[in-house]
C-alpha cells in the first residue's frame, strides 16, 4: 500500500489503491447507507471509511500471513488479486494509467511476501545446531520484516512529500490573487447580522463541504482547461488565465446541500467571484432544444445535471474562481466550480470543473440521478434555531431566541416561532441582504422559567410556508419544522 500510494502521487493521487477501492465502495453503496453515513458521521464519513478499509486490510494481511506458512502460492495469489481489485476499481474512474499504482502495489506485495517466506523460521525440534540455525532464521525473518516495513514507511512518506510539493506549487499560483471584478458585490446592509447567530458571511475555511471525493483533487491551474461543447455553434476551450481575463462578477450567495437535515449545518454564505454563465452561453451559441447543462468534474468522474433554464433566466449563475475575495481553495473546487442560486448543490455546484456539455435530459443522466435523487431540485424554504442550542439554558438577562432562514432565489418574507405548542408569534427579521441570501431573525422570550420547547417556520416571498410534516433528505431535501428544548431562567 505504501508503494502504491507513492506511485499514485506521481500518476494520479485518486488512483491510490486504498482510495480507488474506497471510491468504488462509495459508488456501490445503496442510498440509505450514504444517508446514514452523512447523517451519523457528517464530514468525517470519508476518513472513517478509509480507516475502516485500512483495518480490513490489516486483518486480510494477517490471514494471508497465516496461510502463507503452509500454502505460499495461495497467499501470493491472494495478494495479487488484491492488486487486481485495486486496479479494476481505479480504471473505472479514469484512464488505464490509473491501474499502475495498484499493479505496483500487487507486485511489491507478492515480492515482500516471498522475501519474508525465504527467511521464515526453520522447523526444528531439538539439537544445538538446529537451535542455532533456527535463531539465524528468526533473525533473517525479522530483518526481512523490518526491511519491508521500512520500505512501506518511506514509500508512503514519499507520496506525502510529493503531494505537499504539488500543493506548494498550487498555493504559489493562487498567491497571485484575482483581478478586480467588473461588477462588484453591493455592500451588505447594516443589520444583517444578529448577535450570537451564525456568521452572516461564512469564512472560507468554515464552509460546509459535501462531495464524493476521498482525497481532495489538487489541480495544476497552469495545465488545466475547461471545455464547453455539446449542442453549440462554437465549442470553446478555456485556460485558467482565459477565465480570469473575462469580466468577472462578484455576488453574495447562500449555498445549501440537499443532504442538510432539518436544523442541519450544510448551509453557508459566501462572496463569490466568477464568469457569468450568460457570457459563456453567448460565446458558444447554444442550439434550440437544449434543456440540460451536464458538467463533468475531475472528482472521480463525478457528473451533474443542471436545468439550462436556470442558467439563462437572469439569475447570477456563474463559473466560480473565487470565494470571499481569494482564489478558491483546493477543497472548494479550485481552479473553477459552478454555482447556481436557488438550486441544491448536487444539481448546480460542480467542483473541480473540467467540461460543460450543453445537451438534453434524454441524452445524459448524472451521477446522483442514476441513484434515485431528484432531477430538478430547487432549494426548499427552510429555517433553523441557532441560539439557544437545544437542551441548553436561555439566560434571564438575554432571553433571545434567534436563527436563520433561507429560500434562495425567492427570499424570506417572515419567520414565526411558537413556544410549547402555543400560538405562532412573528419573529423580528434582520436586514435583508437579497433573495439569494439567508436571513437572520430573533425573538425575545418573555415566558415563565423552566423547561420549554420552541419551533420555527419560515414563509418565502412567493407565499409558501414550510410544511410541518418531516421528510427525509432523499430524494429532494428535508422538510419540516426545526424544534429545540431549552431551559429558561
Protein backbone atom coordinates (compact mmCIF):
# COMPACT_ATOMS: atom_id res chain seq x y z
CA UNK A 1 0.00 0.00 0.00
CA UNK A 2 2.89 2.38 0.77
CA UNK A 3 4.46 1.85 -2.64
CA UNK A 4 1.05 2.11 -4.30
CA UNK A 5 0.49 5.46 -2.60
CA UNK A 6 3.89 6.73 -3.75
CA UNK A 7 3.29 5.68 -7.36
CA UNK A 8 -0.20 7.24 -7.28
CA UNK A 9 1.28 10.56 -6.15
CA UNK A 10 3.23 10.56 -9.41
CA UNK A 11 0.46 9.19 -11.67
CA UNK A 12 -2.85 10.38 -10.18
CA UNK A 13 -3.47 10.74 -6.41
CA UNK A 14 -7.03 9.37 -6.62
CA UNK A 15 -5.61 6.14 -8.13
CA UNK A 16 -4.00 5.19 -4.81
CA UNK A 17 -5.22 1.60 -4.19
CA UNK A 18 -6.82 2.44 -0.85
CA UNK A 19 -8.66 5.44 -2.29
CA UNK A 20 -9.66 3.66 -5.51
CA UNK A 21 -11.31 0.82 -3.59
CA UNK A 22 -12.92 3.29 -1.18
CA UNK A 23 -14.37 5.29 -4.07
CA UNK A 24 -15.73 2.11 -5.63
CA UNK A 25 -17.42 1.26 -2.33
CA UNK A 26 -19.00 4.73 -2.22
CA UNK A 27 -20.37 4.23 -5.74
CA UNK A 28 -21.70 0.78 -4.90
CA UNK A 29 -23.26 1.78 -1.56
CA UNK A 30 -27.08 1.99 -1.60
CA UNK A 31 -28.64 5.40 -0.99
CA UNK A 32 -29.83 4.56 2.57
CA UNK A 33 -26.26 3.68 3.52
CA UNK A 34 -24.98 7.00 2.17
CA UNK A 35 -27.71 8.91 4.00
CA UNK A 36 -26.81 7.11 7.22
CA UNK A 37 -23.11 7.90 6.81
CA UNK A 38 -23.68 11.63 6.20
CA UNK A 39 -26.28 11.88 8.96
CA UNK A 40 -24.22 9.96 11.53
CA UNK A 41 -20.65 10.99 10.76
CA UNK A 42 -21.09 14.28 8.89
CA UNK A 43 -17.91 15.43 7.15
CA UNK A 44 -15.99 12.64 8.95
CA UNK A 45 -17.69 9.94 6.87
CA UNK A 46 -14.83 9.61 4.37
CA UNK A 47 -11.96 9.39 6.90
CA UNK A 48 -13.96 6.75 8.75
CA UNK A 49 -14.43 4.79 5.51
CA UNK A 50 -10.72 4.94 4.67
CA UNK A 51 -9.79 3.90 8.23
CA UNK A 52 -12.23 1.00 8.05
CA UNK A 53 -10.70 -0.20 4.79
CA UNK A 54 -7.28 0.02 6.43
CA UNK A 55 -8.45 -2.14 9.34
CA UNK A 56 -9.86 -4.72 6.90
CA UNK A 57 -6.53 -4.76 5.05
CA UNK A 58 -4.64 -5.38 8.30
CA UNK A 59 -6.91 -8.33 9.09
CA UNK A 60 -6.59 -9.57 5.50
CA UNK A 61 -2.80 -9.34 5.74
CA UNK A 62 -2.77 -11.30 8.99
CA UNK A 63 -4.92 -14.07 7.49
CA UNK A 64 -2.75 -14.22 4.36
CA UNK A 65 0.34 -14.40 6.57
CA UNK A 66 -1.05 -17.40 8.44
CA UNK A 67 -1.94 -19.13 5.18
CA UNK A 68 1.48 -18.37 3.70
CA UNK A 69 3.37 -20.64 6.13
CA UNK A 70 1.71 -23.71 4.63
CA UNK A 71 0.27 -22.51 1.30
CA UNK A 72 2.62 -19.81 -0.04
CA UNK A 73 1.21 -19.96 -3.57
CA UNK A 74 -2.33 -19.36 -2.35
CA UNK A 75 -1.11 -16.42 -0.28
CA UNK A 76 0.72 -14.95 -3.29
CA UNK A 77 -2.41 -15.28 -5.42
CA UNK A 78 -4.45 -13.55 -2.70
CA UNK A 79 -2.04 -10.60 -2.60
CA UNK A 80 -2.03 -10.44 -6.40
CA UNK A 81 -5.83 -10.45 -6.53
CA UNK A 82 -5.84 -7.53 -4.10
CA UNK A 83 -3.76 -5.58 -6.61
CA UNK A 84 -6.11 -6.61 -9.42
CA UNK A 85 -9.11 -5.41 -7.40
CA UNK A 86 -7.47 -2.04 -6.82
CA UNK A 87 -6.56 -1.73 -10.49
CA UNK A 88 -10.10 -2.60 -11.55
CA UNK A 89 -11.57 -0.02 -9.18
CA UNK A 90 -9.13 2.64 -10.40
CA UNK A 91 -9.71 2.23 -14.15
CA UNK A 92 -13.48 2.54 -13.75
CA UNK A 93 -12.88 6.11 -12.60
CA UNK A 94 -10.29 7.25 -15.14
CA UNK A 95 -7.74 6.26 -17.80
CA UNK A 96 -5.91 2.94 -17.85
CA UNK A 97 -2.87 4.58 -16.26
CA UNK A 98 -4.88 4.69 -13.02
CA UNK A 99 -4.20 0.95 -12.74
CA UNK A 100 -0.43 1.44 -12.42
CA UNK A 101 -0.36 2.16 -8.65
CA UNK A 102 -2.41 -0.94 -7.79
CA UNK A 103 -0.37 -3.14 -10.14
CA UNK A 104 2.80 -1.83 -8.49
CA UNK A 105 1.28 -2.50 -5.06
CA UNK A 106 0.40 -6.07 -6.04
CA UNK A 107 3.85 -6.81 -7.45
CA UNK A 108 5.62 -5.33 -4.42
CA UNK A 109 3.22 -7.16 -2.07
CA UNK A 110 3.97 -10.55 -3.64
CA UNK A 111 7.70 -9.78 -3.65
CA UNK A 112 7.65 -8.78 0.01
CA UNK A 113 5.77 -11.95 0.93
CA UNK A 114 8.31 -14.08 -0.97
CA UNK A 115 11.20 -12.27 0.74
CA UNK A 116 9.80 -12.93 4.19
CA UNK A 117 8.95 -16.55 3.44
CA UNK A 118 12.52 -17.26 2.32
CA UNK A 119 13.62 -16.05 5.75
CA UNK A 120 10.98 -17.93 7.68
CA UNK A 121 11.79 -19.72 10.88
CA UNK A 122 13.06 -23.24 10.25
CA UNK A 123 11.19 -26.17 11.71
CA UNK A 124 13.37 -27.65 14.42
CA UNK A 125 12.64 -29.73 17.42
CA UNK A 126 15.99 -30.46 19.00
CA UNK A 127 19.78 -30.17 18.75
CA UNK A 128 22.07 -27.25 19.35
CA UNK A 129 22.99 -26.89 15.67
CA UNK A 130 19.35 -26.78 14.69
CA UNK A 131 18.65 -24.32 17.50
CA UNK A 132 21.42 -22.08 16.16
CA UNK A 133 20.01 -22.37 12.63
CA UNK A 134 16.59 -21.58 13.99
CA UNK A 135 17.95 -18.47 15.65
CA UNK A 136 19.65 -17.31 12.44
CA UNK A 137 16.44 -17.99 10.52
CA UNK A 138 14.39 -15.98 13.00
CA UNK A 139 16.83 -13.08 12.77
CA UNK A 140 16.68 -13.25 8.99
CA UNK A 141 12.89 -13.24 9.03
CA UNK A 142 12.74 -10.29 11.43
CA UNK A 143 15.28 -8.42 9.29
CA UNK A 144 13.15 -9.01 6.18
CA UNK A 145 10.02 -7.95 8.04
CA UNK A 146 11.71 -4.80 9.31
CA UNK A 147 13.08 -4.04 5.86
CA UNK A 148 9.69 -4.29 4.17
CA UNK A 149 8.14 -2.15 6.92
CA UNK A 150 10.82 0.48 6.38
CA UNK A 151 10.23 0.46 2.62
CA UNK A 152 6.49 0.86 3.21
CA UNK A 153 7.01 3.80 5.55
CA UNK A 154 9.48 5.53 3.22
CA UNK A 155 7.22 4.99 0.21
CA UNK A 156 4.14 6.35 1.99
CA UNK A 157 6.14 9.32 3.27
CA UNK A 158 7.43 9.91 -0.26
CA UNK A 159 3.86 10.08 -1.52
CA UNK A 160 3.05 12.68 1.14
CA UNK A 161 6.14 14.73 0.22
CA UNK A 162 5.22 14.70 -3.47
CA UNK A 163 1.68 15.76 -2.60
CA UNK A 164 2.88 18.62 -0.45
CA UNK A 165 5.25 19.82 -3.17
CA UNK A 166 2.33 19.88 -5.59
CA UNK A 167 0.23 21.78 -3.02
CA UNK A 168 3.03 24.33 -2.62
CA UNK A 169 3.11 24.96 -6.37
CA UNK A 170 -0.67 25.38 -6.41
CA UNK A 171 -0.52 27.76 -3.45
CA UNK A 172 2.08 29.87 -5.23
CA UNK A 173 -0.23 30.23 -8.23
CA UNK A 174 -3.17 31.23 -6.00
CA UNK A 175 -0.99 33.77 -4.21
CA UNK A 176 -1.20 35.90 -7.35
CA UNK A 177 -4.82 36.58 -6.41
CA UNK A 178 -7.75 37.53 -8.61
CA UNK A 179 -8.35 40.50 -10.91
CA UNK A 180 -10.79 43.14 -9.72
CA UNK A 181 -14.37 42.22 -10.64
CA UNK A 182 -16.03 44.16 -13.43
CA UNK A 183 -19.21 44.07 -11.36
CA UNK A 184 -18.51 44.14 -7.62
CA UNK A 185 -20.95 42.91 -4.99
CA UNK A 186 -23.01 45.57 -3.27
CA UNK A 187 -22.17 46.24 0.35
CA UNK A 188 -24.34 44.21 2.70
CA UNK A 189 -26.82 46.44 4.55
CA UNK A 190 -26.25 47.18 8.20
CA UNK A 191 -28.21 44.90 10.49
CA UNK A 192 -27.96 41.63 8.53
CA UNK A 193 -26.16 40.04 11.48
CA UNK A 194 -27.99 39.06 14.69
CA UNK A 195 -25.57 38.72 17.66
CA UNK A 196 -24.90 35.11 18.57
CA UNK A 197 -26.21 33.67 15.29
CA UNK A 198 -24.04 32.02 12.62
CA UNK A 199 -21.65 34.49 10.97
CA UNK A 200 -23.57 36.00 8.07
CA UNK A 201 -20.67 35.58 5.61
CA UNK A 202 -19.08 32.22 6.30
CA UNK A 203 -15.25 32.19 6.45
CA UNK A 204 -13.91 30.09 3.56
CA UNK A 205 -12.24 27.65 5.96
CA UNK A 206 -15.57 27.02 7.73
CA UNK A 207 -17.64 26.50 4.61
CA UNK A 208 -19.51 23.20 4.63
CA UNK A 209 -18.18 20.50 2.31
CA UNK A 210 -20.03 17.52 0.87
CA UNK A 211 -18.67 15.60 -2.14
CA UNK A 212 -17.77 12.05 -3.18
CA UNK A 213 -14.01 12.57 -3.16
CA UNK A 214 -11.92 10.56 -0.68
CA UNK A 215 -8.96 12.81 -1.40
CA UNK A 216 -9.09 16.47 -2.34
CA UNK A 217 -8.15 16.90 -6.02
CA UNK A 218 -5.02 19.05 -6.39
CA UNK A 219 -5.09 20.56 -9.86
CA UNK A 220 -2.33 22.46 -11.61
CA UNK A 221 -4.04 25.56 -12.97
CA UNK A 222 -1.22 26.11 -15.49
CA UNK A 223 -2.22 22.96 -17.40
CA UNK A 224 -5.95 22.87 -16.55
CA UNK A 225 -8.57 23.63 -19.19
CA UNK A 226 -12.36 23.93 -19.22
CA UNK A 227 -14.19 22.71 -22.32
CA UNK A 228 -17.67 23.91 -23.28
CA UNK A 229 -19.25 21.85 -26.03
CA UNK A 230 -22.26 19.75 -26.96
CA UNK A 231 -25.18 21.26 -28.86
CA UNK A 232 -23.45 24.57 -29.56
CA UNK A 233 -22.29 26.54 -32.60
CA UNK A 234 -18.81 27.30 -31.33
CA UNK A 235 -17.21 24.78 -28.93
CA UNK A 236 -14.79 26.50 -26.60
CA UNK A 237 -11.78 25.51 -24.51
CA UNK A 238 -10.62 27.96 -21.85
CA UNK A 239 -7.48 28.03 -19.74
CA UNK A 240 -7.43 29.38 -16.20
CA UNK A 241 -5.89 32.61 -17.46
CA UNK A 242 -8.62 32.84 -20.12
CA UNK A 243 -11.25 32.71 -17.38
CA UNK A 244 -9.52 35.36 -15.31
CA UNK A 245 -9.25 37.61 -18.37
CA UNK A 246 -13.03 37.61 -18.82
CA UNK A 247 -15.17 40.20 -16.99
CA UNK A 248 -15.80 38.79 -13.51
CA UNK A 249 -18.84 39.40 -11.34
CA UNK A 250 -18.89 39.27 -7.55
CA UNK A 251 -22.04 38.28 -5.68
CA UNK A 252 -23.12 37.27 -2.16
CA UNK A 253 -24.95 33.93 -2.39
CA UNK A 254 -26.01 31.27 0.11
CA UNK A 255 -25.31 27.67 -0.88
CA UNK A 256 -27.20 24.67 0.53
CA UNK A 257 -26.73 20.90 0.31
CA UNK A 258 -29.65 18.55 -0.27
CA UNK A 259 -28.21 16.32 2.50
CA UNK A 260 -28.95 19.01 5.09
CA UNK A 261 -31.33 17.62 7.71
CA UNK A 262 -33.90 19.91 9.33
CA UNK A 263 -31.84 22.25 11.50
CA UNK A 264 -28.62 20.94 9.96
CA UNK A 265 -25.28 22.66 9.26
CA UNK A 266 -24.89 22.19 5.50
CA UNK A 267 -25.69 25.78 4.53
CA UNK A 268 -23.13 28.57 4.15
CA UNK A 269 -22.89 32.04 2.64
CA UNK A 270 -20.00 33.44 0.67
CA UNK A 271 -18.96 36.28 -1.63
CA UNK A 272 -18.34 34.51 -4.92
CA UNK A 273 -16.35 35.73 -7.93
CA UNK A 274 -16.78 34.21 -11.36
CA UNK A 275 -17.70 34.39 -15.02
CA UNK A 276 -21.46 34.72 -15.61
CA UNK A 277 -22.99 31.82 -17.48
CA UNK A 278 -24.83 34.28 -19.71
CA UNK A 279 -21.45 35.40 -21.13
CA UNK A 280 -20.35 31.83 -21.76
CA UNK A 281 -23.68 30.95 -23.37
CA UNK A 282 -23.37 33.95 -25.69
CA UNK A 283 -19.85 32.89 -26.74
CA UNK A 284 -20.69 29.27 -27.64
CA UNK A 285 -24.15 29.81 -29.17
CA UNK A 286 -26.49 27.20 -27.68
CA UNK A 287 -28.83 25.30 -30.02
CA UNK A 288 -32.62 25.29 -29.61
CA UNK A 289 -33.86 22.25 -27.70
CA UNK A 290 -31.09 22.21 -25.09
CA UNK A 291 -32.68 21.68 -21.67
CA UNK A 292 -29.72 20.44 -19.62
CA UNK A 293 -26.22 21.59 -18.81
CA UNK A 294 -24.18 18.50 -17.99
CA UNK A 295 -20.99 19.21 -16.07
CA UNK A 296 -18.02 16.88 -15.57
CA UNK A 297 -15.72 17.01 -12.57
CA UNK A 298 -12.15 15.89 -12.00
CA UNK A 299 -13.53 14.41 -8.76
CA UNK A 300 -13.64 10.67 -9.56
CA UNK A 301 -15.65 11.13 -12.78
CA UNK A 302 -18.48 12.92 -10.95
CA UNK A 303 -21.18 14.39 -13.19
CA UNK A 304 -24.02 16.83 -12.54
CA UNK A 305 -27.12 17.88 -14.46
CA UNK A 306 -28.42 21.46 -14.23
CA UNK A 307 -31.58 22.84 -15.90
CA UNK A 308 -30.47 25.08 -18.76
CA UNK A 309 -33.31 27.46 -17.93
CA UNK A 310 -31.73 28.19 -14.52
CA UNK A 311 -28.50 29.29 -16.22
CA UNK A 312 -30.24 31.50 -18.74
CA UNK A 313 -33.02 33.29 -16.82
CA UNK A 314 -31.07 36.24 -15.43
CA UNK A 315 -30.01 34.87 -12.06
CA UNK A 316 -26.34 35.11 -11.02
CA UNK A 317 -25.30 31.65 -12.22
CA UNK A 318 -21.55 31.54 -12.78
CA UNK A 319 -18.37 29.56 -13.21
CA UNK A 320 -16.69 30.49 -9.93
CA UNK A 321 -12.99 31.19 -9.49
CA UNK A 322 -13.01 32.91 -6.08
CA UNK A 323 -14.60 32.87 -2.63
CA UNK A 324 -14.52 35.79 -0.19
CA UNK A 325 -12.02 37.72 -2.27
CA UNK A 326 -9.49 34.90 -2.69
CA UNK A 327 -8.98 32.19 -5.32
CA UNK A 328 -10.81 29.00 -4.46
CA UNK A 329 -9.07 26.65 -2.06
CA UNK A 330 -8.47 23.10 -3.33
CA UNK A 331 -11.27 21.73 -1.17
CA UNK A 332 -13.68 24.38 -2.51
CA UNK A 333 -13.15 23.33 -6.13
CA UNK A 334 -10.00 25.08 -7.40
CA UNK A 335 -9.44 26.15 -10.06
CA UNK A 336 -13.12 26.52 -11.02
CA UNK A 337 -16.56 25.33 -9.96
CA UNK A 338 -20.20 26.06 -10.75
CA UNK A 339 -22.77 27.95 -8.70
CA UNK A 340 -26.46 28.49 -9.48
CA UNK A 341 -28.58 30.39 -6.92
CA UNK A 342 -31.78 28.64 -5.92
CA UNK A 343 -30.73 25.05 -6.66
CA UNK A 344 -29.34 22.46 -4.27
CA UNK A 345 -25.63 21.85 -4.75
CA UNK A 346 -25.95 18.36 -6.23
CA UNK A 347 -27.64 19.79 -9.35
CA UNK A 348 -25.73 23.06 -9.58
CA UNK A 349 -22.40 23.31 -7.76
CA UNK A 350 -19.93 21.01 -9.52
CA UNK A 351 -16.42 21.46 -8.12
CA UNK A 352 -13.13 20.87 -9.96
CA UNK A 353 -14.77 21.52 -13.32
CA UNK A 354 -13.27 20.08 -16.48
CA UNK A 355 -16.12 20.10 -19.01
CA UNK A 356 -19.57 21.64 -19.52
CA UNK A 357 -21.79 20.00 -22.12
CA UNK A 358 -24.98 21.62 -23.40
CA UNK A 359 -27.31 18.70 -24.04
CA UNK A 360 -30.70 17.20 -23.13
CA UNK A 361 -32.02 15.18 -20.22
CA UNK A 362 -32.87 12.43 -22.70
CA UNK A 363 -29.21 12.11 -23.68
CA UNK A 364 -27.44 12.24 -20.31
CA UNK A 365 -28.16 11.08 -16.75
CA UNK A 366 -25.97 12.43 -13.95
CA UNK A 367 -24.26 10.71 -11.01
CA UNK A 368 -26.92 11.33 -8.34
CA UNK A 369 -29.87 11.00 -10.72
CA UNK A 370 -28.87 7.41 -11.52
CA UNK A 371 -29.01 6.78 -7.76
CA UNK A 372 -32.62 7.93 -7.44
CA UNK A 373 -32.19 11.55 -6.36
CA UNK A 374 -34.33 14.30 -7.87
CA UNK A 375 -33.55 15.59 -11.35
CA UNK A 376 -34.64 19.17 -10.73
CA UNK A 377 -34.01 20.24 -7.13
CA UNK A 378 -34.89 23.82 -6.16
CA UNK A 379 -33.85 24.76 -2.62
CA UNK A 380 -36.70 24.43 -0.16
CA UNK A 381 -37.92 27.14 2.21
CA UNK A 382 -36.19 26.28 5.48
CA UNK A 383 -35.34 27.77 8.87
CA UNK A 384 -33.20 26.92 11.87
CA UNK A 385 -32.81 27.91 15.53
CA UNK A 386 -29.18 28.73 16.31
CA UNK A 387 -29.50 30.12 19.86
CA UNK A 388 -30.01 28.74 22.34
CA UNK A 389 -28.71 25.32 21.40
CA UNK A 390 -31.10 22.52 22.18
CA UNK A 391 -31.01 21.33 25.81
CA UNK A 392 -29.14 24.44 26.97
CA UNK A 393 -30.21 27.38 29.15
CA UNK A 394 -31.70 30.65 27.93
CA UNK A 395 -30.23 33.31 30.25
CA UNK A 396 -32.56 35.67 32.08
CA UNK A 397 -30.54 38.76 31.19
CA UNK A 398 -30.58 37.92 27.45
CA UNK A 399 -33.69 35.89 26.66
CA UNK A 400 -33.29 35.95 22.87
CA UNK A 401 -34.11 33.02 20.61
CA UNK A 402 -32.58 33.52 17.16
CA UNK A 403 -31.55 31.78 13.99
CA UNK A 404 -31.53 31.83 10.19
CA UNK A 405 -33.99 31.15 7.39
CA UNK A 406 -33.40 30.70 3.67
CA UNK A 407 -35.26 30.29 0.39
CA UNK A 408 -32.63 31.14 -2.19
CA UNK A 409 -33.81 32.99 -5.28
CA UNK A 410 -37.19 33.60 -3.63
CA UNK A 411 -36.26 35.35 -0.39
CA UNK A 412 -37.76 35.28 3.10
CA UNK A 413 -40.97 37.19 3.88
CA UNK A 414 -41.40 36.24 7.53
CA UNK A 415 -40.33 33.86 10.27
CA UNK A 416 -42.63 32.62 13.01
CA UNK A 417 -41.88 30.91 16.29
CA UNK A 418 -44.05 29.16 18.84
CA UNK A 419 -43.33 28.08 22.37
CA UNK A 420 -44.72 24.89 23.90
CA UNK A 421 -47.15 24.24 21.01
CA UNK A 422 -48.82 27.63 21.61
CA UNK A 423 -49.77 30.29 19.12
CA UNK A 424 -47.35 31.28 16.37
CA UNK A 425 -45.60 34.60 17.00
CA UNK A 426 -43.83 36.58 14.31
CA UNK A 427 -40.11 36.95 14.87
CA UNK A 428 -38.12 40.09 14.10
CA UNK A 429 -36.29 39.83 10.80
CA UNK A 430 -32.79 41.19 10.41
CA UNK A 431 -31.96 43.40 7.42
CA UNK A 432 -32.45 41.73 4.04
CA UNK A 433 -29.28 41.17 2.02
CA UNK A 434 -31.13 39.88 -1.06
CA UNK A 435 -33.22 36.99 -2.30
CA UNK A 436 -30.18 34.74 -2.87
CA UNK A 437 -29.07 35.02 0.77
CA UNK A 438 -30.22 33.58 4.05
CA UNK A 439 -31.90 35.94 6.50
CA UNK A 440 -31.40 36.06 10.23
CA UNK A 441 -34.16 36.53 12.78
CA UNK A 442 -34.69 36.94 16.54
CA UNK A 443 -37.44 36.68 19.14
CA UNK A 444 -37.45 37.91 22.73
CA UNK A 445 -38.85 35.26 25.05
CA UNK A 446 -40.85 36.65 27.99
CA UNK A 447 -42.47 33.49 29.34
CA UNK A 448 -42.08 31.65 32.64
CA UNK A 449 -38.92 29.92 33.79
CA UNK A 450 -38.48 26.18 33.35
CA UNK A 451 -38.23 23.64 30.55
CA UNK A 452 -39.80 24.65 27.22
CA UNK A 453 -39.85 23.74 23.55
CA UNK A 454 -39.57 26.07 20.57
CA UNK A 455 -40.43 25.51 16.91
CA UNK A 456 -39.72 27.73 13.93
CA UNK A 457 -41.12 28.04 10.42
CA UNK A 458 -40.46 30.43 7.54
CA UNK A 459 -42.54 31.84 4.70
CA UNK A 460 -40.89 32.87 1.44
CA UNK A 461 -41.73 35.84 -0.74
CA UNK A 462 -43.80 33.59 -3.01
CA UNK A 463 -46.12 32.97 -0.06
CA UNK A 464 -45.08 29.37 0.59
CA UNK A 465 -44.71 28.36 4.26
CA UNK A 466 -42.62 25.46 5.47
CA UNK A 467 -44.76 22.33 5.94
CA UNK A 468 -44.88 20.69 9.34
CA UNK A 469 -44.53 17.10 8.14
CA UNK A 470 -40.97 15.81 8.32
CA UNK A 471 -39.42 14.17 5.29
CA UNK A 472 -36.01 12.62 4.72
CA UNK A 473 -33.36 14.35 2.65
CA UNK A 474 -33.82 11.76 -0.11
CA UNK A 475 -34.71 12.46 -2.88
CA UNK A 476 -35.21 16.25 -2.94
CA UNK A 477 -34.41 17.66 0.51
CA UNK A 478 -35.66 17.51 4.10
CA UNK A 479 -38.91 19.23 5.10
CA UNK A 480 -40.37 20.04 8.49
CA UNK A 481 -40.06 22.47 11.39
CA UNK A 482 -36.89 22.69 13.44
CA UNK A 483 -37.60 22.19 17.15
CA UNK A 484 -35.45 22.52 20.26
CA UNK A 485 -35.89 22.21 24.02
CA UNK A 486 -34.42 24.80 26.35
CA UNK A 487 -34.50 25.82 29.99
CA UNK A 488 -35.42 29.42 30.78
CA UNK A 489 -34.00 31.01 33.90
